[in-house]
PDB file of N, CA and C in Angstrom:
ATOM      1  N   UNK A   1     115.732 114.338  83.670  1.00  0.00           N
ATOM      2  CA  UNK A   1     115.224 113.343  84.599  1.00  0.00           C
ATOM      3  C   UNK A   1     113.818 113.728  85.031  1.00  0.00           C
ATOM      4  N   UNK A   2     112.904 112.793  84.897  1.00  0.00           N
ATOM      5  CA  UNK A   2     111.540 113.027  85.367  1.00  0.00           C
ATOM      6  C   UNK A   2     111.526 113.005  86.894  1.00  0.00           C
ATOM      7  N   UNK A   3     110.792 113.912  87.503  1.00  0.00           N
ATOM      8  CA  UNK A   3     110.693 113.899  88.965  1.00  0.00           C
ATOM      9  C   UNK A   3     109.358 113.337  89.446  1.00  0.00           C
ATOM     10  N   UNK A   4     108.483 112.959  88.504  1.00  0.00           N
ATOM     11  CA  UNK A   4     107.202 112.339  88.837  1.00  0.00           C
ATOM     12  C   UNK A   4     106.870 111.255  87.816  1.00  0.00           C
ATOM     13  N   UNK A   5     106.064 110.294  88.253  1.00  0.00           N
ATOM     14  CA  UNK A   5     105.557 109.254  87.365  1.00  0.00           C
ATOM     15  C   UNK A   5     104.133 108.936  87.803  1.00  0.00           C
ATOM     16  N   UNK A   6     103.378 108.261  86.952  1.00  0.00           N
ATOM     17  CA  UNK A   6     101.989 107.947  87.290  1.00  0.00           C
ATOM     18  C   UNK A   6     101.700 106.469  87.086  1.00  0.00           C
ATOM     19  N   UNK A   7     100.720 105.994  87.834  1.00  0.00           N
ATOM     20  CA  UNK A   7     100.181 104.648  87.632  1.00  0.00           C
ATOM     21  C   UNK A   7      98.686 104.709  87.905  1.00  0.00           C
ATOM     22  N   UNK A   8      97.971 103.687  87.445  1.00  0.00           N
ATOM     23  CA  UNK A   8      96.547 103.591  87.694  1.00  0.00           C
ATOM     24  C   UNK A   8      96.312 102.511  88.737  1.00  0.00           C
ATOM     25  N   UNK A   9      95.609 102.855  89.803  1.00  0.00           N
ATOM     26  CA  UNK A   9      95.267 101.890  90.842  1.00  0.00           C
ATOM     27  C   UNK A   9      94.272 100.896  90.245  1.00  0.00           C
ATOM     28  N   UNK A  10      94.599  99.602  90.313  1.00  0.00           N
ATOM     29  CA  UNK A  10      93.703  98.590  89.759  1.00  0.00           C
ATOM     30  C   UNK A  10      92.440  98.414  90.601  1.00  0.00           C
ATOM     31  N   UNK A  11      92.466  98.856  91.841  1.00  0.00           N
ATOM     32  CA  UNK A  11      91.291  98.710  92.705  1.00  0.00           C
ATOM     33  C   UNK A  11      90.221  99.763  92.429  1.00  0.00           C
ATOM     34  N   UNK A  12      90.649 101.018  92.249  1.00  0.00           N
ATOM     35  CA  UNK A  12      89.656 102.084  92.069  1.00  0.00           C
ATOM     36  C   UNK A  12      89.741 102.783  90.714  1.00  0.00           C
ATOM     37  N   UNK A  13      90.819 102.533  89.948  1.00  0.00           N
ATOM     38  CA  UNK A  13      90.948 103.118  88.621  1.00  0.00           C
ATOM     39  C   UNK A  13      91.515 104.523  88.577  1.00  0.00           C
ATOM     40  N   UNK A  14      91.831 105.101  89.718  1.00  0.00           N
ATOM     41  CA  UNK A  14      92.362 106.465  89.741  1.00  0.00           C
ATOM     42  C   UNK A  14      93.808 106.510  89.253  1.00  0.00           C
ATOM     43  N   UNK A  15      94.157 107.589  88.567  1.00  0.00           N
ATOM     44  CA  UNK A  15      95.542 107.827  88.174  1.00  0.00           C
ATOM     45  C   UNK A  15      96.254 108.456  89.364  1.00  0.00           C
ATOM     46  N   UNK A  16      97.357 107.843  89.783  1.00  0.00           N
ATOM     47  CA  UNK A  16      98.096 108.290  90.958  1.00  0.00           C
ATOM     48  C   UNK A  16      99.458 108.818  90.507  1.00  0.00           C
ATOM     49  N   UNK A  17      99.815 110.000  90.964  1.00  0.00           N
ATOM     50  CA  UNK A  17     101.107 110.612  90.664  1.00  0.00           C
ATOM     51  C   UNK A  17     102.015 110.398  91.871  1.00  0.00           C
ATOM     52  N   UNK A  18     103.216 109.874  91.621  1.00  0.00           N
ATOM     53  CA  UNK A  18     104.172 109.664  92.705  1.00  0.00           C
ATOM     54  C   UNK A  18     105.487 110.349  92.366  1.00  0.00           C
ATOM     55  N   UNK A  19     106.225 110.797  93.376  1.00  0.00           N
ATOM     56  CA  UNK A  19     107.544 111.376  93.115  1.00  0.00           C
ATOM     57  C   UNK A  19     108.543 110.278  92.773  1.00  0.00           C
ATOM     58  N   UNK A  20     109.537 110.597  91.958  1.00  0.00           N
ATOM     59  CA  UNK A  20     110.608 109.678  91.609  1.00  0.00           C
ATOM     60  C   UNK A  20     111.871 110.149  92.324  1.00  0.00           C
ATOM     61  N   UNK A  21     112.498 109.236  93.081  1.00  0.00           N
ATOM     62  CA  UNK A  21     113.695 109.562  93.852  1.00  0.00           C
ATOM     63  C   UNK A  21     114.892 108.817  93.272  1.00  0.00           C
ATOM     64  N   UNK A  22     115.712 109.470  92.454  1.00  0.00           N
ATOM     65  CA  UNK A  22     116.853 108.785  91.849  1.00  0.00           C
ATOM     66  C   UNK A  22     117.891 108.335  92.871  1.00  0.00           C
ATOM     67  N   UNK A  23     117.922 108.935  94.035  1.00  0.00           N
ATOM     68  CA  UNK A  23     118.902 108.541  95.050  1.00  0.00           C
ATOM     69  C   UNK A  23     118.600 107.158  95.638  1.00  0.00           C
ATOM     70  N   UNK A  24     117.403 106.617  95.371  1.00  0.00           N
ATOM     71  CA  UNK A  24     117.038 105.285  95.867  1.00  0.00           C
ATOM     72  C   UNK A  24     117.503 104.172  94.935  1.00  0.00           C
ATOM     73  N   UNK A  25     118.168 104.514  93.836  1.00  0.00           N
ATOM     74  CA  UNK A  25     118.704 103.508  92.921  1.00  0.00           C
ATOM     75  C   UNK A  25     117.924 103.428  91.628  1.00  0.00           C
ATOM     76  N   UNK A  26     118.464 102.638  90.698  1.00  0.00           N
ATOM     77  CA  UNK A  26     117.859 102.550  89.371  1.00  0.00           C
ATOM     78  C   UNK A  26     116.773 101.487  89.280  1.00  0.00           C
ATOM     79  N   UNK A  27     116.661 100.620  90.289  1.00  0.00           N
ATOM     80  CA  UNK A  27     115.644  99.571  90.311  1.00  0.00           C
ATOM     81  C   UNK A  27     114.994  99.576  91.693  1.00  0.00           C
ATOM     82  N   UNK A  28     113.797 100.126  91.786  1.00  0.00           N
ATOM     83  CA  UNK A  28     113.136 100.316  93.075  1.00  0.00           C
ATOM     84  C   UNK A  28     111.836  99.519  93.128  1.00  0.00           C
ATOM     85  N   UNK A  29     111.598  98.867  94.258  1.00  0.00           N
ATOM     86  CA  UNK A  29     110.342  98.147  94.503  1.00  0.00           C
ATOM     87  C   UNK A  29     109.883  98.486  95.909  1.00  0.00           C
ATOM     88  N   UNK A  30     108.603  98.850  96.022  1.00  0.00           N
ATOM     89  CA  UNK A  30     108.049  99.148  97.332  1.00  0.00           C
ATOM     90  C   UNK A  30     106.533  99.044  97.286  1.00  0.00           C
ATOM     91  N   UNK A  31     105.908  99.054  98.457  1.00  0.00           N
ATOM     92  CA  UNK A  31     104.451  98.991  98.574  1.00  0.00           C
ATOM     93  C   UNK A  31     103.956 100.356  99.013  1.00  0.00           C
ATOM     94  N   UNK A  32     102.907 100.828  98.336  1.00  0.00           N
ATOM     95  CA  UNK A  32     102.320 102.132  98.653  1.00  0.00           C
ATOM     96  C   UNK A  32     100.801 101.996  98.631  1.00  0.00           C
ATOM     97  N   UNK A  33     100.146 102.547  99.648  1.00  0.00           N
ATOM     98  CA  UNK A  33      98.683 102.554  99.670  1.00  0.00           C
ATOM     99  C   UNK A  33      98.154 103.618  98.719  1.00  0.00           C
ATOM    100  N   UNK A  34      97.115 103.280  97.983  1.00  0.00           N
ATOM    101  CA  UNK A  34      96.464 104.250  97.114  1.00  0.00           C
ATOM    102  C   UNK A  34      95.896 105.371  97.984  1.00  0.00           C
ATOM    103  N   UNK A  35      96.183 106.633  97.659  1.00  0.00           N
ATOM    104  CA  UNK A  35      95.660 107.737  98.460  1.00  0.00           C
ATOM    105  C   UNK A  35      94.147 107.934  98.310  1.00  0.00           C
ATOM    106  N   UNK A  36      93.531 107.271  97.324  1.00  0.00           N
ATOM    107  CA  UNK A  36      92.097 107.407  97.099  1.00  0.00           C
ATOM    108  C   UNK A  36      91.314 106.304  97.808  1.00  0.00           C
ATOM    109  N   UNK A  37      91.695 105.031  97.570  1.00  0.00           N
ATOM    110  CA  UNK A  37      90.907 103.912  98.113  1.00  0.00           C
ATOM    111  C   UNK A  37      91.630 103.131  99.205  1.00  0.00           C
ATOM    112  N   UNK A  38      92.892 103.445  99.460  1.00  0.00           N
ATOM    113  CA  UNK A  38      93.707 102.840 100.522  1.00  0.00           C
ATOM    114  C   UNK A  38      94.127 101.394 100.266  1.00  0.00           C
ATOM    115  N   UNK A  39      93.897 100.843  99.083  1.00  0.00           N
ATOM    116  CA  UNK A  39      94.384  99.502  98.773  1.00  0.00           C
ATOM    117  C   UNK A  39      95.890  99.566  98.503  1.00  0.00           C
ATOM    118  N   UNK A  40      96.601  98.532  98.944  1.00  0.00           N
ATOM    119  CA  UNK A  40      98.052  98.487  98.788  1.00  0.00           C
ATOM    120  C   UNK A  40      98.429  98.092  97.359  1.00  0.00           C
ATOM    121  N   UNK A  41      99.403  98.792  96.806  1.00  0.00           N
ATOM    122  CA  UNK A  41      99.917  98.517  95.461  1.00  0.00           C
ATOM    123  C   UNK A  41     101.419  98.281  95.540  1.00  0.00           C
ATOM    124  N   UNK A  42     101.899  97.251  94.828  1.00  0.00           N
ATOM    125  CA  UNK A  42     103.327  97.027  94.681  1.00  0.00           C
ATOM    126  C   UNK A  42     103.797  97.897  93.518  1.00  0.00           C
ATOM    127  N   UNK A  43     104.749  98.767  93.779  1.00  0.00           N
ATOM    128  CA  UNK A  43     105.263  99.703  92.790  1.00  0.00           C
ATOM    129  C   UNK A  43     106.658  99.264  92.367  1.00  0.00           C
ATOM    130  N   UNK A  44     106.914  99.275  91.066  1.00  0.00           N
ATOM    131  CA  UNK A  44     108.240  98.969  90.533  1.00  0.00           C
ATOM    132  C   UNK A  44     108.659 100.136  89.639  1.00  0.00           C
ATOM    133  N   UNK A  45     109.763 100.775  90.004  1.00  0.00           N
ATOM    134  CA  UNK A  45     110.278 101.923  89.252  1.00  0.00           C
ATOM    135  C   UNK A  45     111.651 101.555  88.704  1.00  0.00           C
ATOM    136  N   UNK A  46     111.841 101.763  87.410  1.00  0.00           N
ATOM    137  CA  UNK A  46     113.147 101.558  86.776  1.00  0.00           C
ATOM    138  C   UNK A  46     113.588 102.882  86.166  1.00  0.00           C
ATOM    139  N   UNK A  47     114.809 103.280  86.472  1.00  0.00           N
ATOM    140  CA  UNK A  47     115.372 104.512  85.930  1.00  0.00           C
ATOM    141  C   UNK A  47     116.455 104.157  84.919  1.00  0.00           C
ATOM    142  N   UNK A  48     116.329 104.651  83.692  1.00  0.00           N
ATOM    143  CA  UNK A  48     117.333 104.423  82.660  1.00  0.00           C
ATOM    144  C   UNK A  48     118.444 105.458  82.777  1.00  0.00           C
ATOM    145  N   UNK A  49     119.556 105.154  82.155  1.00  0.00           N
ATOM    146  CA  UNK A  49     120.703 106.083  82.191  1.00  0.00           C
ATOM    147  C   UNK A  49     120.371 107.436  81.575  1.00  0.00           C
ATOM    148  N   UNK A  50     119.456 107.441  80.608  1.00  0.00           N
ATOM    149  CA  UNK A  50     119.097 108.701  79.950  1.00  0.00           C
ATOM    150  C   UNK A  50     118.079 109.511  80.750  1.00  0.00           C
ATOM    151  N   UNK A  51     117.667 109.000  81.921  1.00  0.00           N
ATOM    152  CA  UNK A  51     116.738 109.736  82.771  1.00  0.00           C
ATOM    153  C   UNK A  51     115.287 109.352  82.609  1.00  0.00           C
ATOM    154  N   UNK A  52     114.990 108.457  81.663  1.00  0.00           N
ATOM    155  CA  UNK A  52     113.592 108.059  81.503  1.00  0.00           C
ATOM    156  C   UNK A  52     113.186 107.089  82.614  1.00  0.00           C
ATOM    157  N   UNK A  53     111.899 107.122  82.932  1.00  0.00           N
ATOM    158  CA  UNK A  53     111.355 106.340  84.041  1.00  0.00           C
ATOM    159  C   UNK A  53     110.325 105.362  83.506  1.00  0.00           C
ATOM    160  N   UNK A  54     110.429 104.105  83.938  1.00  0.00           N
ATOM    161  CA  UNK A  54     109.396 103.101  83.662  1.00  0.00           C
ATOM    162  C   UNK A  54     108.798 102.712  84.999  1.00  0.00           C
ATOM    163  N   UNK A  55     107.487 102.756  85.068  1.00  0.00           N
ATOM    164  CA  UNK A  55     106.803 102.447  86.318  1.00  0.00           C
ATOM    165  C   UNK A  55     105.717 101.421  86.050  1.00  0.00           C
ATOM    166  N   UNK A  56     105.626 100.429  86.923  1.00  0.00           N
ATOM    167  CA  UNK A  56     104.529  99.466  86.839  1.00  0.00           C
ATOM    168  C   UNK A  56     103.983  99.265  88.239  1.00  0.00           C
ATOM    169  N   UNK A  57     102.733  98.833  88.303  1.00  0.00           N
ATOM    170  CA  UNK A  57     102.113  98.585  89.596  1.00  0.00           C
ATOM    171  C   UNK A  57     101.171  97.416  89.484  1.00  0.00           C
ATOM    172  N   UNK A  58     100.903  96.800  90.620  1.00  0.00           N
ATOM    173  CA  UNK A  58      99.920  95.729  90.717  1.00  0.00           C
ATOM    174  C   UNK A  58      99.437  95.686  92.148  1.00  0.00           C
ATOM    175  N   UNK A  59      98.273  95.118  92.388  1.00  0.00           N
ATOM    176  CA  UNK A  59      97.790  94.998  93.764  1.00  0.00           C
ATOM    177  C   UNK A  59      98.754  94.143  94.585  1.00  0.00           C
ATOM    178  N   UNK A  60      98.952  94.512  95.817  1.00  0.00           N
ATOM    179  CA  UNK A  60      99.845  93.744  96.685  1.00  0.00           C
ATOM    180  C   UNK A  60      99.293  92.332  96.887  1.00  0.00           C
ATOM    181  N   UNK A  61     100.168  91.345  96.776  1.00  0.00           N
ATOM    182  CA  UNK A  61      99.782  89.957  96.980  1.00  0.00           C
ATOM    183  C   UNK A  61      99.873  89.634  98.462  1.00  0.00           C
ATOM    184  N   UNK A  62      98.886  88.933  98.982  1.00  0.00           N
ATOM    185  CA  UNK A  62      98.900  88.538 100.403  1.00  0.00           C
ATOM    186  C   UNK A  62      99.874  87.425 100.654  1.00  0.00           C
TER     187      UNK A  62
END
């Protein structure tokens, strides 16, 4: 099981590393501010049964 995943902030282009919490379920959605530019990103994390992680992000919609 991966304990970290990465995404690229569309606002500033930085690669952001986030922890993966399997106790939050296999399909997770939340909003997180970029630690570099502070723009809000919608994060979607999917955990497969084999432990692989798929992560996608997009700027938060108003």
